[in-house]
Amino acid sequence: MDLQEILDNVLKGSKYLGTFPLADILVTSASRHLSALAVAKEGKRQYYLAFLNGEPEGAVYVDPEGALFGDSAVSHIREANQYVLCDVKPEIIDALVMG
């Protein structure tokens, strides 16, 4: 199972909180101290953002050429995208960020 499948499985097993632009994701996560995973999909590109207790803790960018993590992934994040936000158990977010 590759990383994208793992992230998609985490999302499938999580509570959907809504679909928001990036700026709203940042505000909502911080104000509600969420442990959550946000994803935007654009063609064959996926953008994942992990939040732990409201703080952005990790990012993953996936395209047909592979995956980028951390700062390299953040540079690909697009503000124009709509992100699906899902509540995720803190221990799962922690494992994703540490992994």
N, C-alpha and C. Protein backbone atom coordinates (compact mmCIF):
# COMPACT_ATOMS: atom_id res chain seq x y z
N MET A 1 0.85 -1.17 0.00
CA MET A 1 0.00 0.00 0.00
C MET A 1 0.90 1.24 0.00
N ASP A 2 0.66 2.15 -0.94
CA ASP A 2 1.49 3.34 -1.01
C ASP A 2 0.92 4.46 -0.12
N LEU A 3 1.66 5.53 0.01
CA LEU A 3 1.31 6.63 0.90
C LEU A 3 -0.05 7.23 0.55
N GLN A 4 -0.30 7.44 -0.72
CA GLN A 4 -1.57 8.03 -1.13
C GLN A 4 -2.75 7.14 -0.71
N GLU A 5 -2.61 5.83 -0.83
CA GLU A 5 -3.66 4.91 -0.40
C GLU A 5 -3.87 4.99 1.10
N ILE A 6 -2.78 5.10 1.85
CA ILE A 6 -2.87 5.22 3.31
C ILE A 6 -3.62 6.50 3.67
N LEU A 7 -3.24 7.62 3.06
CA LEU A 7 -3.91 8.89 3.35
C LEU A 7 -5.38 8.84 2.97
N ASP A 8 -5.70 8.26 1.83
CA ASP A 8 -7.10 8.14 1.41
C ASP A 8 -7.90 7.25 2.36
N ASN A 9 -7.29 6.18 2.86
CA ASN A 9 -7.96 5.32 3.83
C ASN A 9 -8.21 6.05 5.15
N VAL A 10 -7.24 6.86 5.57
CA VAL A 10 -7.44 7.67 6.78
C VAL A 10 -8.63 8.60 6.58
N LEU A 11 -8.69 9.24 5.43
CA LEU A 11 -9.80 10.16 5.15
C LEU A 11 -11.14 9.43 5.11
N LYS A 12 -11.18 8.24 4.51
CA LYS A 12 -12.43 7.48 4.42
C LYS A 12 -12.96 7.11 5.80
N GLY A 13 -12.07 6.87 6.75
CA GLY A 13 -12.48 6.49 8.09
C GLY A 13 -12.64 7.66 9.04
N SER A 14 -12.65 8.87 8.51
CA SER A 14 -12.71 10.07 9.34
C SER A 14 -14.00 10.83 9.15
N LYS A 15 -14.29 11.68 10.10
CA LYS A 15 -15.51 12.51 10.04
C LYS A 15 -15.29 13.71 9.14
N TYR A 16 -16.15 13.85 8.13
CA TYR A 16 -16.10 14.98 7.20
C TYR A 16 -16.56 16.24 7.93
N LEU A 17 -15.75 17.31 7.84
CA LEU A 17 -16.08 18.57 8.50
C LEU A 17 -16.51 19.66 7.52
N GLY A 18 -16.24 19.47 6.25
CA GLY A 18 -16.64 20.45 5.25
C GLY A 18 -15.57 20.64 4.20
N THR A 19 -15.92 21.46 3.22
CA THR A 19 -15.00 21.81 2.14
C THR A 19 -14.78 23.31 2.18
N PHE A 20 -13.51 23.72 2.21
CA PHE A 20 -13.16 25.11 2.43
C PHE A 20 -11.99 25.54 1.56
N PRO A 21 -11.86 26.85 1.32
CA PRO A 21 -10.62 27.35 0.73
C PRO A 21 -9.50 27.27 1.77
N LEU A 22 -8.26 27.32 1.32
CA LEU A 22 -7.11 27.16 2.21
C LEU A 22 -7.14 28.11 3.40
N ALA A 23 -7.42 29.38 3.18
CA ALA A 23 -7.41 30.36 4.27
C ALA A 23 -8.40 29.96 5.37
N ASP A 24 -9.57 29.47 4.97
CA ASP A 24 -10.57 29.05 5.95
C ASP A 24 -10.15 27.79 6.69
N ILE A 25 -9.44 26.90 6.01
CA ILE A 25 -8.92 25.68 6.66
C ILE A 25 -7.97 26.08 7.80
N LEU A 26 -7.09 27.01 7.51
CA LEU A 26 -6.12 27.45 8.52
C LEU A 26 -6.82 28.08 9.72
N VAL A 27 -7.80 28.93 9.48
CA VAL A 27 -8.53 29.60 10.56
C VAL A 27 -9.37 28.59 11.35
N THR A 28 -10.10 27.74 10.65
CA THR A 28 -10.97 26.75 11.30
C THR A 28 -10.15 25.79 12.15
N SER A 29 -9.06 25.30 11.61
CA SER A 29 -8.22 24.35 12.36
C SER A 29 -7.67 24.99 13.63
N ALA A 30 -7.19 26.22 13.50
CA ALA A 30 -6.60 26.90 14.66
C ALA A 30 -7.66 27.24 15.70
N SER A 31 -8.78 27.79 15.28
CA SER A 31 -9.79 28.23 16.24
C SER A 31 -10.46 27.07 16.97
N ARG A 32 -10.54 25.92 16.30
CA ARG A 32 -11.19 24.75 16.91
C ARG A 32 -10.17 23.74 17.46
N HIS A 33 -8.87 24.07 17.37
CA HIS A 33 -7.80 23.19 17.84
C HIS A 33 -7.97 21.77 17.29
N LEU A 34 -8.20 21.71 15.98
CA LEU A 34 -8.46 20.43 15.33
C LEU A 34 -7.21 19.59 15.11
N SER A 35 -7.40 18.31 15.21
CA SER A 35 -6.45 17.35 14.66
C SER A 35 -7.17 16.84 13.43
N ALA A 36 -6.64 17.17 12.27
CA ALA A 36 -7.39 16.95 11.04
C ALA A 36 -6.45 16.76 9.86
N LEU A 37 -7.04 16.25 8.79
CA LEU A 37 -6.34 16.10 7.53
C LEU A 37 -7.18 16.79 6.47
N ALA A 38 -6.53 17.63 5.67
CA ALA A 38 -7.21 18.33 4.58
C ALA A 38 -6.60 17.84 3.27
N VAL A 39 -7.46 17.70 2.26
CA VAL A 39 -6.98 17.24 0.96
C VAL A 39 -7.67 18.02 -0.15
N ALA A 40 -6.88 18.36 -1.15
CA ALA A 40 -7.40 18.94 -2.38
C ALA A 40 -6.87 18.10 -3.52
N LYS A 41 -7.73 17.85 -4.49
CA LYS A 41 -7.31 17.07 -5.65
C LYS A 41 -7.52 17.90 -6.90
N GLU A 42 -6.52 17.87 -7.76
CA GLU A 42 -6.54 18.64 -9.01
C GLU A 42 -5.96 17.74 -10.09
N GLY A 43 -6.84 17.11 -10.86
CA GLY A 43 -6.36 16.15 -11.86
C GLY A 43 -5.66 15.00 -11.16
N LYS A 44 -4.41 14.75 -11.53
CA LYS A 44 -3.63 13.67 -10.92
C LYS A 44 -2.75 14.16 -9.77
N ARG A 45 -3.01 15.37 -9.30
CA ARG A 45 -2.24 15.95 -8.19
C ARG A 45 -3.11 15.96 -6.93
N GLN A 46 -2.49 15.61 -5.81
CA GLN A 46 -3.17 15.67 -4.52
C GLN A 46 -2.32 16.47 -3.55
N TYR A 47 -2.99 17.27 -2.76
CA TYR A 47 -2.34 18.11 -1.76
C TYR A 47 -2.93 17.74 -0.40
N TYR A 48 -2.10 17.30 0.52
CA TYR A 48 -2.55 16.91 1.85
C TYR A 48 -1.90 17.82 2.89
N LEU A 49 -2.70 18.27 3.84
CA LEU A 49 -2.20 19.08 4.95
C LEU A 49 -2.65 18.42 6.25
N ALA A 50 -1.72 18.23 7.17
CA ALA A 50 -2.02 17.61 8.46
C ALA A 50 -1.95 18.66 9.56
N PHE A 51 -2.98 18.64 10.41
CA PHE A 51 -3.06 19.58 11.53
C PHE A 51 -3.14 18.79 12.82
N LEU A 52 -2.38 19.23 13.81
CA LEU A 52 -2.40 18.61 15.12
C LEU A 52 -2.70 19.70 16.15
N ASN A 53 -3.82 19.54 16.83
CA ASN A 53 -4.28 20.54 17.80
C ASN A 53 -4.32 21.95 17.20
N GLY A 54 -4.75 22.03 15.95
CA GLY A 54 -4.93 23.32 15.30
C GLY A 54 -3.71 23.87 14.58
N GLU A 55 -2.59 23.23 14.76
CA GLU A 55 -1.35 23.71 14.14
C GLU A 55 -1.01 22.88 12.90
N PRO A 56 -0.62 23.55 11.80
CA PRO A 56 -0.18 22.78 10.63
C PRO A 56 1.13 22.08 10.94
N GLU A 57 1.14 20.76 10.82
CA GLU A 57 2.31 19.97 11.21
C GLU A 57 2.96 19.21 10.06
N GLY A 58 2.27 19.11 8.93
CA GLY A 58 2.85 18.35 7.84
C GLY A 58 2.11 18.59 6.54
N ALA A 59 2.82 18.36 5.45
CA ALA A 59 2.23 18.50 4.12
C ALA A 59 2.80 17.42 3.21
N VAL A 60 1.94 16.96 2.30
CA VAL A 60 2.35 15.98 1.31
C VAL A 60 1.76 16.42 -0.02
N TYR A 61 2.59 16.38 -1.05
CA TYR A 61 2.15 16.67 -2.42
C TYR A 61 2.43 15.41 -3.23
N VAL A 62 1.41 14.91 -3.93
CA VAL A 62 1.55 13.68 -4.71
C VAL A 62 1.14 13.96 -6.15
N ASP A 63 1.99 13.55 -7.08
CA ASP A 63 1.65 13.62 -8.51
C ASP A 63 2.17 12.34 -9.16
N PRO A 64 1.95 12.16 -10.45
CA PRO A 64 2.40 10.91 -11.09
C PRO A 64 3.90 10.63 -10.97
N GLU A 65 4.69 11.64 -10.70
CA GLU A 65 6.13 11.44 -10.58
C GLU A 65 6.56 11.02 -9.19
N GLY A 66 5.66 11.12 -8.21
CA GLY A 66 6.03 10.72 -6.85
C GLY A 66 5.45 11.66 -5.81
N ALA A 67 6.04 11.63 -4.62
CA ALA A 67 5.55 12.41 -3.49
C ALA A 67 6.64 13.31 -2.94
N LEU A 68 6.23 14.47 -2.48
CA LEU A 68 7.11 15.41 -1.78
C LEU A 68 6.54 15.63 -0.39
N PHE A 69 7.41 15.89 0.58
CA PHE A 69 7.00 16.05 1.96
C PHE A 69 7.51 17.37 2.52
N GLY A 70 6.88 17.85 3.58
CA GLY A 70 7.35 19.01 4.31
C GLY A 70 7.41 20.27 3.47
N ASP A 71 8.52 21.01 3.62
CA ASP A 71 8.68 22.29 2.92
C ASP A 71 8.60 22.14 1.40
N SER A 72 9.12 21.05 0.88
CA SER A 72 9.04 20.82 -0.57
C SER A 72 7.60 20.69 -1.02
N ALA A 73 6.77 20.05 -0.21
CA ALA A 73 5.35 19.89 -0.53
C ALA A 73 4.61 21.21 -0.38
N VAL A 74 4.95 21.97 0.64
CA VAL A 74 4.27 23.25 0.90
C VAL A 74 4.42 24.18 -0.28
N SER A 75 5.56 24.15 -0.95
CA SER A 75 5.77 25.04 -2.09
C SER A 75 4.82 24.74 -3.25
N HIS A 76 4.17 23.58 -3.25
CA HIS A 76 3.22 23.21 -4.30
C HIS A 76 1.77 23.49 -3.91
N ILE A 77 1.53 23.82 -2.66
CA ILE A 77 0.16 24.05 -2.18
C ILE A 77 -0.45 25.22 -2.94
N ARG A 78 -1.69 25.06 -3.36
CA ARG A 78 -2.40 26.09 -4.12
C ARG A 78 -3.55 26.66 -3.30
N GLU A 79 -3.52 27.97 -3.13
CA GLU A 79 -4.58 28.63 -2.37
C GLU A 79 -5.92 28.58 -3.07
N ALA A 80 -5.93 28.49 -4.38
CA ALA A 80 -7.19 28.53 -5.13
C ALA A 80 -8.01 27.25 -4.97
N ASN A 81 -7.39 26.17 -4.52
CA ASN A 81 -8.10 24.90 -4.39
C ASN A 81 -9.07 24.90 -3.21
N GLN A 82 -10.08 24.06 -3.32
CA GLN A 82 -10.99 23.78 -2.22
C GLN A 82 -10.47 22.52 -1.53
N TYR A 83 -10.39 22.56 -0.21
CA TYR A 83 -9.86 21.45 0.57
C TYR A 83 -10.97 20.79 1.37
N VAL A 84 -11.02 19.47 1.29
CA VAL A 84 -11.93 18.69 2.12
C VAL A 84 -11.22 18.52 3.46
N LEU A 85 -11.90 18.88 4.54
CA LEU A 85 -11.33 18.79 5.87
C LEU A 85 -12.01 17.67 6.64
N CYS A 86 -11.20 16.78 7.23
CA CYS A 86 -11.72 15.65 7.99
C CYS A 86 -11.06 15.59 9.35
N ASP A 87 -11.88 15.36 10.37
CA ASP A 87 -11.41 15.21 11.73
C ASP A 87 -10.70 13.86 11.84
N VAL A 88 -9.48 13.86 12.37
CA VAL A 88 -8.69 12.63 12.47
C VAL A 88 -8.14 12.54 13.89
N LYS A 89 -8.10 11.35 14.44
CA LYS A 89 -7.56 11.17 15.79
C LYS A 89 -6.14 11.71 15.86
N PRO A 90 -5.81 12.42 16.94
CA PRO A 90 -4.47 13.00 17.07
C PRO A 90 -3.34 12.00 16.90
N GLU A 91 -3.53 10.78 17.40
CA GLU A 91 -2.46 9.79 17.30
C GLU A 91 -2.20 9.37 15.85
N ILE A 92 -3.24 9.41 15.02
CA ILE A 92 -3.05 9.10 13.59
C ILE A 92 -2.29 10.23 12.91
N ILE A 93 -2.67 11.48 13.21
CA ILE A 93 -1.94 12.62 12.64
C ILE A 93 -0.49 12.59 13.09
N ASP A 94 -0.27 12.32 14.37
CA ASP A 94 1.09 12.26 14.90
C ASP A 94 1.90 11.18 14.17
N ALA A 95 1.31 10.03 13.95
CA ALA A 95 2.01 8.94 13.24
C ALA A 95 2.30 9.33 11.80
N LEU A 96 1.36 9.99 11.13
CA LEU A 96 1.58 10.43 9.75
C LEU A 96 2.71 11.45 9.68
N VAL A 97 2.71 12.38 10.61
CA VAL A 97 3.74 13.43 10.60
C VAL A 97 5.11 12.85 10.92
N MET A 98 5.16 11.93 11.87
CA MET A 98 6.44 11.33 12.26
C MET A 98 6.93 10.33 11.23
N GLY A 99 5.99 9.70 10.50
CA GLY A 99 6.34 8.65 9.55
C GLY A 99 6.94 9.25 8.33
